[in-house]
């Protein structure tokens, strides 16, 4: 079978065109596409018009006409209410008193280094009448049971964690923020404040105006009251940073009161070589420590608490609380071990009779 090959003439531009215009027209017709959606080159983006408007000036918070903030709360503002004792005066400060944690010029109270004292005289009768009005009639057993069932579980969304700082100032604002949309708030307490849960409950009720309707070990439910109005909540200026703790007098003396130097040294050695009464964990629950130490002092003169991994700062806070709650005398903090001495028996009898 014969196969015929068709020949096609192939024209190129190798030959010199007759004129320059013919060459240009031929090149444009064979290289540029006529389809507007298929351009030969990528389209260039149109330049954005320059923004001629002036940038907005950020408002200066110090020039806010609402500053300084004025609060009618009838107590001195402190970083922590449950973990500080106003009766003990510090002997020094780690930062100047002009550095207020509320910020410069943001509060109408003067910072003293540990607190911002109130400038108003408090009428306690009027204050108690207002709090009783907000709380309203006492809750019935059915209402308390309903609140407990709603807020006592660990997956409750209305929960505030109370740590080693105790009842802090900014926590009061968190409580009122929860009270905007809920009748109560669940508070989970951990760490050093759990040594004295009565103190925690007192400051929560006293500073927030609410009522603790449920208490189980370290879990609290704080009720806002029947007549609570979120629109008329108290003004709580926030602390912008945590202030440095002041310097307090030395807790452990070289020679314990009522003992000689040799007796104090012997007591410390006995405590370090004795078995630990309890082993405390970091951010644990210490609600039974006070009772255990009191029972141990019925038969022992010296008690050792193993606070390994707790931290030396927390060890000292534990010793300070046990000194007042048991009562006892801390005689040594070493290697995260707390050594407590029960003190003289005649001193305890004289203090109890007084």
C-alpha atoms as a PDB file:
ATOM      1  CA  UNK A   1       0.000   0.000   0.000  1.00  0.00           C
ATOM      2  CA  UNK A   2       1.474   3.274  -1.017  1.00  0.00           C
ATOM      3  CA  UNK A   3       1.579   6.016   1.503  1.00  0.00           C
ATOM      4  CA  UNK A   4       1.436   9.540   0.297  1.00  0.00           C
ATOM      5  CA  UNK A   5       3.136  12.234   2.289  1.00  0.00           C
ATOM      6  CA  UNK A   6       1.672  15.651   2.145  1.00  0.00           C
ATOM      7  CA  UNK A   7       4.138  18.434   2.218  1.00  0.00           C
ATOM      8  CA  UNK A   8       3.348  21.702   3.894  1.00  0.00           C
ATOM      9  CA  UNK A   9       5.124  24.869   3.192  1.00  0.00           C
ATOM     10  CA  UNK A  10       6.676  26.323   6.316  1.00  0.00           C
ATOM     11  CA  UNK A  11       7.109  30.009   6.311  1.00  0.00           C
ATOM     12  CA  UNK A  12       9.601  31.633   8.681  1.00  0.00           C
ATOM     13  CA  UNK A  13      10.901  35.071   9.305  1.00  0.00           C
ATOM     14  CA  UNK A  14      14.426  34.226   8.350  1.00  0.00           C
ATOM     15  CA  UNK A  15      14.072  36.209   5.216  1.00  0.00           C
ATOM     16  CA  UNK A  16      14.367  39.935   5.422  1.00  0.00           C
ATOM     17  CA  UNK A  17      10.965  41.582   5.317  1.00  0.00           C
ATOM     18  CA  UNK A  18      10.361  44.230   2.781  1.00  0.00           C
ATOM     19  CA  UNK A  19       9.636  46.852   5.370  1.00  0.00           C
ATOM     20  CA  UNK A  20       9.816  47.367   9.119  1.00  0.00           C
ATOM     21  CA  UNK A  21       6.052  47.885   9.408  1.00  0.00           C
ATOM     22  CA  UNK A  22       5.392  44.475   7.878  1.00  0.00           C
ATOM     23  CA  UNK A  23       7.706  42.828  10.401  1.00  0.00           C
ATOM     24  CA  UNK A  24       6.040  44.519  13.385  1.00  0.00           C
ATOM     25  CA  UNK A  25       2.522  43.657  12.229  1.00  0.00           C
ATOM     26  CA  UNK A  26       3.469  40.028  11.645  1.00  0.00           C
ATOM     27  CA  UNK A  27       5.083  39.748  15.102  1.00  0.00           C
ATOM     28  CA  UNK A  28       2.060  41.212  16.888  1.00  0.00           C
ATOM     29  CA  UNK A  29      -0.405  39.023  15.045  1.00  0.00           C
ATOM     30  CA  UNK A  30       1.455  35.815  15.899  1.00  0.00           C
ATOM     31  CA  UNK A  31       2.568  36.481  19.478  1.00  0.00           C
ATOM     32  CA  UNK A  32      -0.175  38.455  21.252  1.00  0.00           C
ATOM     33  CA  UNK A  33      -3.403  36.685  22.110  1.00  0.00           C
ATOM     34  CA  UNK A  34      -6.650  38.318  21.143  1.00  0.00           C
ATOM     35  CA  UNK A  35      -8.532  36.804  24.096  1.00  0.00           C
ATOM     36  CA  UNK A  36      -9.016  39.387  26.877  1.00  0.00           C
ATOM     37  CA  UNK A  37      -9.204  36.619  29.516  1.00  0.00           C
ATOM     38  CA  UNK A  38      -5.869  35.174  28.429  1.00  0.00           C
ATOM     39  CA  UNK A  39      -3.488  38.124  28.349  1.00  0.00           C
ATOM     40  CA  UNK A  40       0.097  37.542  27.282  1.00  0.00           C
ATOM     41  CA  UNK A  41       1.520  39.036  30.466  1.00  0.00           C
ATOM     42  CA  UNK A  42       0.360  39.006  34.056  1.00  0.00           C
ATOM     43  CA  UNK A  43      -1.784  41.934  35.035  1.00  0.00           C
ATOM     44  CA  UNK A  44      -0.144  44.381  37.355  1.00  0.00           C
ATOM     45  CA  UNK A  45      -1.951  45.292  40.563  1.00  0.00           C
ATOM     46  CA  UNK A  46      -3.247  48.753  40.775  1.00  0.00           C
ATOM     47  CA  UNK A  47      -1.371  50.784  43.367  1.00  0.00           C
ATOM     48  CA  UNK A  48      -3.391  51.375  46.505  1.00  0.00           C
ATOM     49  CA  UNK A  49      -4.208  54.968  47.197  1.00  0.00           C
ATOM     50  CA  UNK A  50      -2.214  56.421  50.022  1.00  0.00           C
ATOM     51  CA  UNK A  51      -4.110  56.932  53.250  1.00  0.00           C
ATOM     52  CA  UNK A  52      -4.060  60.637  53.786  1.00  0.00           C
ATOM     53  CA  UNK A  53      -6.102  60.494  57.021  1.00  0.00           C
ATOM     54  CA  UNK A  54      -4.190  61.039  60.216  1.00  0.00           C
ATOM     55  CA  UNK A  55      -3.805  58.020  62.544  1.00  0.00           C
ATOM     56  CA  UNK A  56      -6.039  57.964  65.555  1.00  0.00           C
ATOM     57  CA  UNK A  57      -4.352  59.118  68.677  1.00  0.00           C
ATOM     58  CA  UNK A  58      -4.426  56.548  71.472  1.00  0.00           C
ATOM     59  CA  UNK A  59      -6.079  58.033  74.547  1.00  0.00           C
ATOM     60  CA  UNK A  60      -3.828  58.645  77.498  1.00  0.00           C
ATOM     61  CA  UNK A  61      -5.251  56.720  80.483  1.00  0.00           C
ATOM     62  CA  UNK A  62      -3.745  59.233  82.880  1.00  0.00           C
ATOM     63  CA  UNK A  63      -5.765  62.020  81.280  1.00  0.00           C
ATOM     64  CA  UNK A  64      -9.051  60.160  81.618  1.00  0.00           C
ATOM     65  CA  UNK A  65     -11.631  62.491  83.194  1.00  0.00           C
ATOM     66  CA  UNK A  66     -12.964  59.545  85.233  1.00  0.00           C
ATOM     67  CA  UNK A  67      -9.641  59.242  87.060  1.00  0.00           C
ATOM     68  CA  UNK A  68      -8.845  59.031  89.885  1.00  0.00           C
ATOM     69  CA  UNK A  69     -11.299  56.251  90.681  1.00  0.00           C
ATOM     70  CA  UNK A  70     -13.325  56.769  93.832  1.00  0.00           C
ATOM     71  CA  UNK A  71     -14.609  53.744  95.709  1.00  0.00           C
ATOM     72  CA  UNK A  72     -17.000  53.742  98.656  1.00  0.00           C
ATOM     73  CA  UNK A  73     -15.943  50.322  99.939  1.00  0.00           C
ATOM     74  CA  UNK A  74     -15.522  50.647 103.740  1.00  0.00           C
ATOM     75  CA  UNK A  75     -12.217  48.794 104.145  1.00  0.00           C
ATOM     76  CA  UNK A  76      -8.534  49.345 103.377  1.00  0.00           C
ATOM     77  CA  UNK A  77      -7.411  47.984 100.024  1.00  0.00           C
ATOM     78  CA  UNK A  78      -4.714  45.315 100.352  1.00  0.00           C
ATOM     79  CA  UNK A  79      -3.229  42.788  97.982  1.00  0.00           C
ATOM     80  CA  UNK A  80      -4.355  39.943 100.265  1.00  0.00           C
ATOM     81  CA  UNK A  81      -6.920  40.214 103.027  1.00  0.00           C
ATOM     82  CA  UNK A  82      -6.754  36.712 104.504  1.00  0.00           C
ATOM     83  CA  UNK A  83      -2.946  36.311 104.440  1.00  0.00           C
ATOM     84  CA  UNK A  84      -1.942  39.661 105.935  1.00  0.00           C
ATOM     85  CA  UNK A  85      -2.161  40.879 109.506  1.00  0.00           C
ATOM     86  CA  UNK A  86      -2.644  44.662 109.841  1.00  0.00           C
ATOM     87  CA  UNK A  87      -1.561  44.493 113.496  1.00  0.00           C
ATOM     88  CA  UNK A  88       2.036  43.585 112.546  1.00  0.00           C
ATOM     89  CA  UNK A  89       3.991  46.605 111.341  1.00  0.00           C
ATOM     90  CA  UNK A  90       6.762  45.959 108.799  1.00  0.00           C
ATOM     91  CA  UNK A  91      10.300  47.081 109.577  1.00  0.00           C
ATOM     92  CA  UNK A  92      11.189  47.924 105.968  1.00  0.00           C
ATOM     93  CA  UNK A  93       9.989  48.082 102.378  1.00  0.00           C
ATOM     94  CA  UNK A  94      11.438  46.635  99.181  1.00  0.00           C
ATOM     95  CA  UNK A  95      10.107  49.448  96.991  1.00  0.00           C
ATOM     96  CA  UNK A  96       9.232  53.127  97.561  1.00  0.00           C
ATOM     97  CA  UNK A  97       5.758  53.844  98.862  1.00  0.00           C
ATOM     98  CA  UNK A  98       5.006  56.065  95.870  1.00  0.00           C
ATOM     99  CA  UNK A  99       4.813  52.985  93.634  1.00  0.00           C
ATOM    100  CA  UNK A 100       1.118  52.253  94.056  1.00  0.00           C
ATOM    101  CA  UNK A 101      -0.015  48.943  92.498  1.00  0.00           C
ATOM    102  CA  UNK A 102      -3.164  50.717  91.290  1.00  0.00           C
ATOM    103  CA  UNK A 103      -1.080  52.870  88.962  1.00  0.00           C
ATOM    104  CA  UNK A 104      -0.066  56.527  89.178  1.00  0.00           C
ATOM    105  CA  UNK A 105      -3.010  58.831  89.723  1.00  0.00           C
ATOM    106  CA  UNK A 106      -5.628  56.111  89.257  1.00  0.00           C
ATOM    107  CA  UNK A 107      -6.970  55.916  92.811  1.00  0.00           C
ATOM    108  CA  UNK A 108      -8.048  58.613  95.245  1.00  0.00           C
ATOM    109  CA  UNK A 109      -6.388  56.731  98.118  1.00  0.00           C
ATOM    110  CA  UNK A 110      -2.749  56.983  99.118  1.00  0.00           C
ATOM    111  CA  UNK A 111      -0.648  53.816  99.094  1.00  0.00           C
ATOM    112  CA  UNK A 112       1.224  53.274 102.373  1.00  0.00           C
ATOM    113  CA  UNK A 113       3.399  50.383 101.204  1.00  0.00           C
ATOM    114  CA  UNK A 114       1.023  47.672 102.437  1.00  0.00           C
ATOM    115  CA  UNK A 115      -2.478  49.129 101.977  1.00  0.00           C
ATOM    116  CA  UNK A 116      -4.564  51.985 100.600  1.00  0.00           C
ATOM    117  CA  UNK A 117      -6.560  53.205 103.630  1.00  0.00           C
ATOM    118  CA  UNK A 118     -10.113  54.413 103.221  1.00  0.00           C
ATOM    119  CA  UNK A 119     -10.703  58.132 103.642  1.00  0.00           C
ATOM    120  CA  UNK A 120     -14.338  57.867 104.762  1.00  0.00           C
ATOM    121  CA  UNK A 121     -15.792  57.112 108.157  1.00  0.00           C
ATOM    122  CA  UNK A 122     -17.812  53.907 108.090  1.00  0.00           C
ATOM    123  CA  UNK A 123     -21.283  53.788 109.571  1.00  0.00           C
ATOM    124  CA  UNK A 124     -21.472  50.114 110.551  1.00  0.00           C
ATOM    125  CA  UNK A 125     -25.213  50.160 111.254  1.00  0.00           C
ATOM    126  CA  UNK A 126     -26.011  51.576 107.833  1.00  0.00           C
ATOM    127  CA  UNK A 127     -23.584  49.164 106.216  1.00  0.00           C
ATOM    128  CA  UNK A 128     -25.177  46.120 107.858  1.00  0.00           C
ATOM    129  CA  UNK A 129     -28.663  47.307 106.901  1.00  0.00           C
ATOM    130  CA  UNK A 130     -27.625  47.594 103.254  1.00  0.00           C
ATOM    131  CA  UNK A 131     -26.018  44.144 103.267  1.00  0.00           C
ATOM    132  CA  UNK A 132     -29.067  42.560 104.882  1.00  0.00           C
ATOM    133  CA  UNK A 133     -31.260  44.230 102.274  1.00  0.00           C
ATOM    134  CA  UNK A 134     -29.166  42.783  99.432  1.00  0.00           C
ATOM    135  CA  UNK A 135     -29.095  39.294 100.971  1.00  0.00           C
ATOM    136  CA  UNK A 136     -32.824  39.330 101.594  1.00  0.00           C
ATOM    137  CA  UNK A 137     -34.629  36.535 103.389  1.00  0.00           C
ATOM    138  CA  UNK A 138     -32.551  33.470 104.300  1.00  0.00           C
ATOM    139  CA  UNK A 139     -32.596  30.653 101.782  1.00  0.00           C
ATOM    140  CA  UNK A 140     -34.771  27.655 102.465  1.00  0.00           C
ATOM    141  CA  UNK A 141     -33.318  24.158 102.644  1.00  0.00           C
ATOM    142  CA  UNK A 142     -34.695  23.363  99.173  1.00  0.00           C
ATOM    143  CA  UNK A 143     -33.086  26.468  97.675  1.00  0.00           C
ATOM    144  CA  UNK A 144     -29.746  25.716  99.320  1.00  0.00           C
ATOM    145  CA  UNK A 145     -29.875  22.119  98.064  1.00  0.00           C
ATOM    146  CA  UNK A 146     -30.588  23.361  94.523  1.00  0.00           C
ATOM    147  CA  UNK A 147     -27.638  25.767  94.625  1.00  0.00           C
ATOM    148  CA  UNK A 148     -25.333  23.093  96.009  1.00  0.00           C
ATOM    149  CA  UNK A 149     -26.335  20.605  93.323  1.00  0.00           C
ATOM    150  CA  UNK A 150     -25.768  23.196  90.616  1.00  0.00           C
ATOM    151  CA  UNK A 151     -22.372  24.537  91.731  1.00  0.00           C
ATOM    152  CA  UNK A 152     -20.625  21.875  93.814  1.00  0.00           C
ATOM    153  CA  UNK A 153     -19.347  19.748  90.914  1.00  0.00           C
ATOM    154  CA  UNK A 154     -15.790  20.050  89.632  1.00  0.00           C
ATOM    155  CA  UNK A 155     -16.936  20.835  86.078  1.00  0.00           C
ATOM    156  CA  UNK A 156     -18.800  23.949  87.191  1.00  0.00           C
ATOM    157  CA  UNK A 157     -18.075  26.887  84.881  1.00  0.00           C
ATOM    158  CA  UNK A 158     -18.566  29.445  87.689  1.00  0.00           C
ATOM    159  CA  UNK A 159     -15.421  28.617  89.657  1.00  0.00           C
ATOM    160  CA  UNK A 160     -12.622  30.727  91.142  1.00  0.00           C
ATOM    161  CA  UNK A 161      -9.397  29.139  92.372  1.00  0.00           C
ATOM    162  CA  UNK A 162      -8.052  30.521  95.646  1.00  0.00           C
ATOM    163  CA  UNK A 163      -4.313  29.893  95.951  1.00  0.00           C
ATOM    164  CA  UNK A 164      -1.550  30.819  98.350  1.00  0.00           C
ATOM    165  CA  UNK A 165      -2.387  34.509  97.948  1.00  0.00           C
ATOM    166  CA  UNK A 166      -5.658  33.937  99.783  1.00  0.00           C
ATOM    167  CA  UNK A 167      -8.526  36.364  99.332  1.00  0.00           C
ATOM    168  CA  UNK A 168      -6.881  38.944  97.071  1.00  0.00           C
ATOM    169  CA  UNK A 169      -8.202  42.334  96.051  1.00  0.00           C
ATOM    170  CA  UNK A 170      -8.676  41.507  92.353  1.00  0.00           C
ATOM    171  CA  UNK A 171     -10.565  38.359  93.329  1.00  0.00           C
ATOM    172  CA  UNK A 172     -13.417  40.563  94.525  1.00  0.00           C
ATOM    173  CA  UNK A 173     -13.855  41.856  90.978  1.00  0.00           C
ATOM    174  CA  UNK A 174     -13.871  38.277  89.653  1.00  0.00           C
ATOM    175  CA  UNK A 175     -16.614  37.356  92.122  1.00  0.00           C
ATOM    176  CA  UNK A 176     -18.846  40.243  91.050  1.00  0.00           C
ATOM    177  CA  UNK A 177     -18.228  39.423  87.380  1.00  0.00           C
ATOM    178  CA  UNK A 178     -19.551  35.902  87.991  1.00  0.00           C
ATOM    179  CA  UNK A 179     -22.489  37.309  89.935  1.00  0.00           C
ATOM    180  CA  UNK A 180     -23.627  39.202  86.835  1.00  0.00           C
ATOM    181  CA  UNK A 181     -24.975  35.994  85.295  1.00  0.00           C
ATOM    182  CA  UNK A 182     -25.093  33.522  88.173  1.00  0.00           C
ATOM    183  CA  UNK A 183     -26.581  33.473  91.658  1.00  0.00           C
ATOM    184  CA  UNK A 184     -23.513  31.906  93.229  1.00  0.00           C
ATOM    185  CA  UNK A 185     -19.873  31.127  92.551  1.00  0.00           C
ATOM    186  CA  UNK A 186     -17.836  28.050  93.443  1.00  0.00           C
ATOM    187  CA  UNK A 187     -14.500  28.742  95.172  1.00  0.00           C
ATOM    188  CA  UNK A 188     -11.827  26.055  95.348  1.00  0.00           C
ATOM    189  CA  UNK A 189      -9.191  26.726  98.026  1.00  0.00           C
ATOM    190  CA  UNK A 190      -5.681  25.267  97.917  1.00  0.00           C
ATOM    191  CA  UNK A 191      -2.386  25.853  99.695  1.00  0.00           C
ATOM    192  CA  UNK A 192      -1.583  27.786 102.855  1.00  0.00           C
ATOM    193  CA  UNK A 193      -5.013  29.510 103.247  1.00  0.00           C
ATOM    194  CA  UNK A 194      -6.667  26.125 103.851  1.00  0.00           C
ATOM    195  CA  UNK A 195      -5.003  26.009 107.293  1.00  0.00           C
ATOM    196  CA  UNK A 196      -7.649  28.468 108.487  1.00  0.00           C
ATOM    197  CA  UNK A 197     -10.825  28.107 106.431  1.00  0.00           C
ATOM    198  CA  UNK A 198     -12.802  30.151 108.957  1.00  0.00           C
ATOM    199  CA  UNK A 199     -10.600  33.137 108.155  1.00  0.00           C
ATOM    200  CA  UNK A 200     -11.139  32.634 104.406  1.00  0.00           C
ATOM    201  CA  UNK A 201     -14.924  32.467 104.804  1.00  0.00           C
ATOM    202  CA  UNK A 202     -14.955  35.581 106.984  1.00  0.00           C
ATOM    203  CA  UNK A 203     -13.043  37.729 104.498  1.00  0.00           C
ATOM    204  CA  UNK A 204     -15.051  36.456 101.532  1.00  0.00           C
ATOM    205  CA  UNK A 205     -18.308  37.452 103.206  1.00  0.00           C
ATOM    206  CA  UNK A 206     -16.953  40.679 104.676  1.00  0.00           C
ATOM    207  CA  UNK A 207     -15.303  42.018 101.505  1.00  0.00           C
ATOM    208  CA  UNK A 208     -17.820  40.820  98.888  1.00  0.00           C
ATOM    209  CA  UNK A 209     -21.064  41.187 100.835  1.00  0.00           C
ATOM    210  CA  UNK A 210     -22.199  37.659  99.929  1.00  0.00           C
ATOM    211  CA  UNK A 211     -23.004  34.605 102.031  1.00  0.00           C
ATOM    212  CA  UNK A 212     -21.240  31.240 102.191  1.00  0.00           C
ATOM    213  CA  UNK A 213     -24.098  28.733 101.883  1.00  0.00           C
ATOM    214  CA  UNK A 214     -21.963  25.592 101.439  1.00  0.00           C
ATOM    215  CA  UNK A 215     -18.609  24.477 102.811  1.00  0.00           C
ATOM    216  CA  UNK A 216     -17.043  21.061 102.326  1.00  0.00           C
ATOM    217  CA  UNK A 217     -13.355  20.713 103.224  1.00  0.00           C
ATOM    218  CA  UNK A 218     -11.849  23.210 100.734  1.00  0.00           C
ATOM    219  CA  UNK A 219     -14.888  23.850  98.507  1.00  0.00           C
ATOM    220  CA  UNK A 220     -17.074  26.909  99.132  1.00  0.00           C
ATOM    221  CA  UNK A 221     -20.209  28.250  97.445  1.00  0.00           C
ATOM    222  CA  UNK A 222     -20.653  32.007  97.817  1.00  0.00           C
ATOM    223  CA  UNK A 223     -24.220  33.276  97.299  1.00  0.00           C
ATOM    224  CA  UNK A 224     -24.808  36.836  96.072  1.00  0.00           C
ATOM    225  CA  UNK A 225     -28.195  37.519  97.718  1.00  0.00           C
ATOM    226  CA  UNK A 226     -31.813  37.737  96.616  1.00  0.00           C
ATOM    227  CA  UNK A 227     -31.780  41.475  95.885  1.00  0.00           C
ATOM    228  CA  UNK A 228     -28.363  41.721  94.255  1.00  0.00           C
ATOM    229  CA  UNK A 229     -28.311  44.252  91.397  1.00  0.00           C
ATOM    230  CA  UNK A 230     -25.394  43.857  88.921  1.00  0.00           C
ATOM    231  CA  UNK A 231     -25.934  47.397  87.658  1.00  0.00           C
ATOM    232  CA  UNK A 232     -25.250  48.827  91.127  1.00  0.00           C
ATOM    233  CA  UNK A 233     -22.241  46.682  91.978  1.00  0.00           C
ATOM    234  CA  UNK A 234     -19.510  48.373  94.070  1.00  0.00           C
ATOM    235  CA  UNK A 235     -16.606  50.103  92.343  1.00  0.00           C
ATOM    236  CA  UNK A 236     -13.490  47.911  92.669  1.00  0.00           C
ATOM    237  CA  UNK A 237     -10.324  49.471  91.189  1.00  0.00           C
ATOM    238  CA  UNK A 238      -7.968  46.755  89.989  1.00  0.00           C
ATOM    239  CA  UNK A 239      -4.353  46.317  91.013  1.00  0.00           C
ATOM    240  CA  UNK A 240      -2.159  46.457  87.929  1.00  0.00           C
ATOM    241  CA  UNK A 241       0.639  44.403  89.466  1.00  0.00           C
ATOM    242  CA  UNK A 242       1.485  42.482  92.613  1.00  0.00           C
ATOM    243  CA  UNK A 243       3.273  44.733  95.118  1.00  0.00           C
ATOM    244  CA  UNK A 244       6.503  43.582  96.707  1.00  0.00           C
ATOM    245  CA  UNK A 245       6.044  42.076 100.153  1.00  0.00           C
ATOM    246  CA  UNK A 246       7.459  44.299 102.917  1.00  0.00           C
ATOM    247  CA  UNK A 247      10.128  43.163 105.366  1.00  0.00           C
ATOM    248  CA  UNK A 248       8.748  41.861 108.664  1.00  0.00           C
ATOM    249  CA  UNK A 249      10.562  41.059 111.926  1.00  0.00           C
ATOM    250  CA  UNK A 250      12.415  37.781 112.133  1.00  0.00           C
ATOM    251  CA  UNK A 251      10.104  34.876 112.915  1.00  0.00           C
ATOM    252  CA  UNK A 252      12.590  32.415 114.429  1.00  0.00           C
ATOM    253  CA  UNK A 253      14.800  33.722 117.215  1.00  0.00           C
ATOM    254  CA  UNK A 254      18.270  32.425 117.931  1.00  0.00           C
ATOM    255  CA  UNK A 255      17.154  31.558 121.454  1.00  0.00           C
ATOM    256  CA  UNK A 256      13.512  30.637 121.955  1.00  0.00           C
ATOM    257  CA  UNK A 257      11.613  32.452 124.664  1.00  0.00           C
ATOM    258  CA  UNK A 258      11.682  30.414 127.864  1.00  0.00           C
ATOM    259  CA  UNK A 259      14.726  28.339 126.847  1.00  0.00           C
ATOM    260  CA  UNK A 260      18.490  28.732 127.039  1.00  0.00           C
ATOM    261  CA  UNK A 261      20.765  28.530 124.032  1.00  0.00           C
ATOM    262  CA  UNK A 262      21.747  24.908 124.807  1.00  0.00           C
ATOM    263  CA  UNK A 263      18.099  23.880 125.335  1.00  0.00           C
ATOM    264  CA  UNK A 264      17.075  25.518 122.058  1.00  0.00           C
ATOM    265  CA  UNK A 265      19.845  23.713 120.209  1.00  0.00           C
ATOM    266  CA  UNK A 266      18.861  20.405 121.789  1.00  0.00           C
ATOM    267  CA  UNK A 267      15.206  20.919 120.819  1.00  0.00           C
ATOM    268  CA  UNK A 268      16.156  21.594 117.212  1.00  0.00           C
ATOM    269  CA  UNK A 269      18.302  18.469 117.020  1.00  0.00           C
ATOM    270  CA  UNK A 270      15.503  16.377 118.506  1.00  0.00           C
ATOM    271  CA  UNK A 271      13.071  17.748 115.959  1.00  0.00           C
ATOM    272  CA  UNK A 272      15.350  17.073 112.979  1.00  0.00           C
ATOM    273  CA  UNK A 273      16.027  13.492 114.118  1.00  0.00           C
ATOM    274  CA  UNK A 274      12.381  12.659 114.884  1.00  0.00           C
ATOM    275  CA  UNK A 275       9.876  11.117 112.485  1.00  0.00           C
ATOM    276  CA  UNK A 276       7.750  13.625 110.559  1.00  0.00           C
ATOM    277  CA  UNK A 277       4.227  14.037 111.840  1.00  0.00           C
ATOM    278  CA  UNK A 278       2.887  14.819 108.353  1.00  0.00           C
ATOM    279  CA  UNK A 279       4.152  15.221 104.798  1.00  0.00           C
ATOM    280  CA  UNK A 280       2.698  18.265 103.097  1.00  0.00           C
ATOM    281  CA  UNK A 281       2.491  18.625  99.332  1.00  0.00           C
ATOM    282  CA  UNK A 282       2.660  21.759  97.207  1.00  0.00           C
ATOM    283  CA  UNK A 283      -0.715  23.500  96.846  1.00  0.00           C
ATOM    284  CA  UNK A 284      -2.322  20.799  98.939  1.00  0.00           C
ATOM    285  CA  UNK A 285      -5.263  20.872 101.328  1.00  0.00           C
ATOM    286  CA  UNK A 286      -4.131  21.497 104.927  1.00  0.00           C
ATOM    287  CA  UNK A 287      -7.471  21.620 106.736  1.00  0.00           C
ATOM    288  CA  UNK A 288      -6.502  18.919 109.275  1.00  0.00           C
ATOM    289  CA  UNK A 289      -2.934  20.070 110.031  1.00  0.00           C
ATOM    290  CA  UNK A 290      -3.855  22.236 113.029  1.00  0.00           C
ATOM    291  CA  UNK A 291      -5.778  19.440 114.777  1.00  0.00           C
ATOM    292  CA  UNK A 292      -3.022  16.924 114.085  1.00  0.00           C
ATOM    293  CA  UNK A 293      -0.370  19.211 115.580  1.00  0.00           C
ATOM    294  CA  UNK A 294      -2.516  19.916 118.664  1.00  0.00           C
ATOM    295  CA  UNK A 295      -3.032  16.214 119.259  1.00  0.00           C
ATOM    296  CA  UNK A 296       0.685  15.511 118.832  1.00  0.00           C
ATOM    297  CA  UNK A 297       1.580  18.140 121.431  1.00  0.00           C
ATOM    298  CA  UNK A 298      -0.400  16.197 124.018  1.00  0.00           C
ATOM    299  CA  UNK A 299       2.435  13.672 124.170  1.00  0.00           C
ATOM    300  CA  UNK A 300       5.383  15.337 122.399  1.00  0.00           C
ATOM    301  CA  UNK A 301       7.349  18.513 123.028  1.00  0.00           C
ATOM    302  CA  UNK A 302       8.683  18.898 119.470  1.00  0.00           C
ATOM    303  CA  UNK A 303       6.958  18.165 116.139  1.00  0.00           C
ATOM    304  CA  UNK A 304       8.447  18.028 112.650  1.00  0.00           C
ATOM    305  CA  UNK A 305       6.482  18.732 109.466  1.00  0.00           C
ATOM    306  CA  UNK A 306       7.996  17.457 106.234  1.00  0.00           C
ATOM    307  CA  UNK A 307       7.345  20.220 103.671  1.00  0.00           C
ATOM    308  CA  UNK A 308       9.625  18.931 100.939  1.00  0.00           C
ATOM    309  CA  UNK A 309       8.751  20.386  97.493  1.00  0.00           C
ATOM    310  CA  UNK A 310       6.445  22.909  99.176  1.00  0.00           C
ATOM    311  CA  UNK A 311       8.891  25.788  98.964  1.00  0.00           C
ATOM    312  CA  UNK A 312      10.646  27.758 101.671  1.00  0.00           C
ATOM    313  CA  UNK A 313       8.325  30.757 101.377  1.00  0.00           C
ATOM    314  CA  UNK A 314       5.274  28.562 101.942  1.00  0.00           C
ATOM    315  CA  UNK A 315       7.048  26.814 104.838  1.00  0.00           C
ATOM    316  CA  UNK A 316       7.418  30.123 106.635  1.00  0.00           C
ATOM    317  CA  UNK A 317       3.788  31.028 105.968  1.00  0.00           C
ATOM    318  CA  UNK A 318       2.722  27.683 107.424  1.00  0.00           C
ATOM    319  CA  UNK A 319       4.837  28.305 110.519  1.00  0.00           C
ATOM    320  CA  UNK A 320       3.331  31.779 110.996  1.00  0.00           C
ATOM    321  CA  UNK A 321      -0.224  30.438 110.849  1.00  0.00           C
ATOM    322  CA  UNK A 322       0.455  27.481 113.140  1.00  0.00           C
ATOM    323  CA  UNK A 323       2.071  29.823 115.661  1.00  0.00           C
ATOM    324  CA  UNK A 324      -1.271  31.558 116.185  1.00  0.00           C
ATOM    325  CA  UNK A 325      -3.694  28.700 115.525  1.00  0.00           C
ATOM    326  CA  UNK A 326      -2.209  25.866 117.610  1.00  0.00           C
ATOM    327  CA  UNK A 327      -0.516  27.861 119.399  1.00  0.00           C
ATOM    328  CA  UNK A 328       3.150  26.878 119.285  1.00  0.00           C
ATOM    329  CA  UNK A 329       6.654  28.258 118.750  1.00  0.00           C
ATOM    330  CA  UNK A 330       8.487  27.705 115.435  1.00  0.00           C
ATOM    331  CA  UNK A 331      12.142  27.128 116.311  1.00  0.00           C
ATOM    332  CA  UNK A 332      13.658  26.056 112.968  1.00  0.00           C
ATOM    333  CA  UNK A 333      13.113  26.176 109.182  1.00  0.00           C
ATOM    334  CA  UNK A 334      15.745  24.070 107.459  1.00  0.00           C
ATOM    335  CA  UNK A 335      15.756  22.060 104.221  1.00  0.00           C
ATOM    336  CA  UNK A 336      11.992  22.591 103.906  1.00  0.00           C
ATOM    337  CA  UNK A 337      11.451  21.071 107.345  1.00  0.00           C
ATOM    338  CA  UNK A 338       9.362  22.923 109.940  1.00  0.00           C
ATOM    339  CA  UNK A 339      10.245  22.267 113.599  1.00  0.00           C
ATOM    340  CA  UNK A 340       7.606  23.351 116.132  1.00  0.00           C
ATOM    341  CA  UNK A 341       7.905  23.512 119.897  1.00  0.00           C
ATOM    342  CA  UNK A 342       4.770  23.465 122.004  1.00  0.00           C
ATOM    343  CA  UNK A 343       6.157  25.991 124.515  1.00  0.00           C
ATOM    344  CA  UNK A 344       6.086  25.997 128.262  1.00  0.00           C
ATOM    345  CA  UNK A 345       3.052  24.392 129.852  1.00  0.00           C
ATOM    346  CA  UNK A 346       2.733  27.110 132.447  1.00  0.00           C
ATOM    347  CA  UNK A 347       2.681  29.720 129.662  1.00  0.00           C
ATOM    348  CA  UNK A 348      -0.193  27.882 127.948  1.00  0.00           C
ATOM    349  CA  UNK A 349      -2.145  27.649 131.202  1.00  0.00           C
ATOM    350  CA  UNK A 350      -1.626  31.335 131.936  1.00  0.00           C
ATOM    351  CA  UNK A 351      -2.739  32.328 128.429  1.00  0.00           C
ATOM    352  CA  UNK A 352      -5.844  30.092 128.632  1.00  0.00           C
ATOM    353  CA  UNK A 353      -6.883  31.440 132.020  1.00  0.00           C
ATOM    354  CA  UNK A 354      -6.305  35.022 130.898  1.00  0.00           C
END
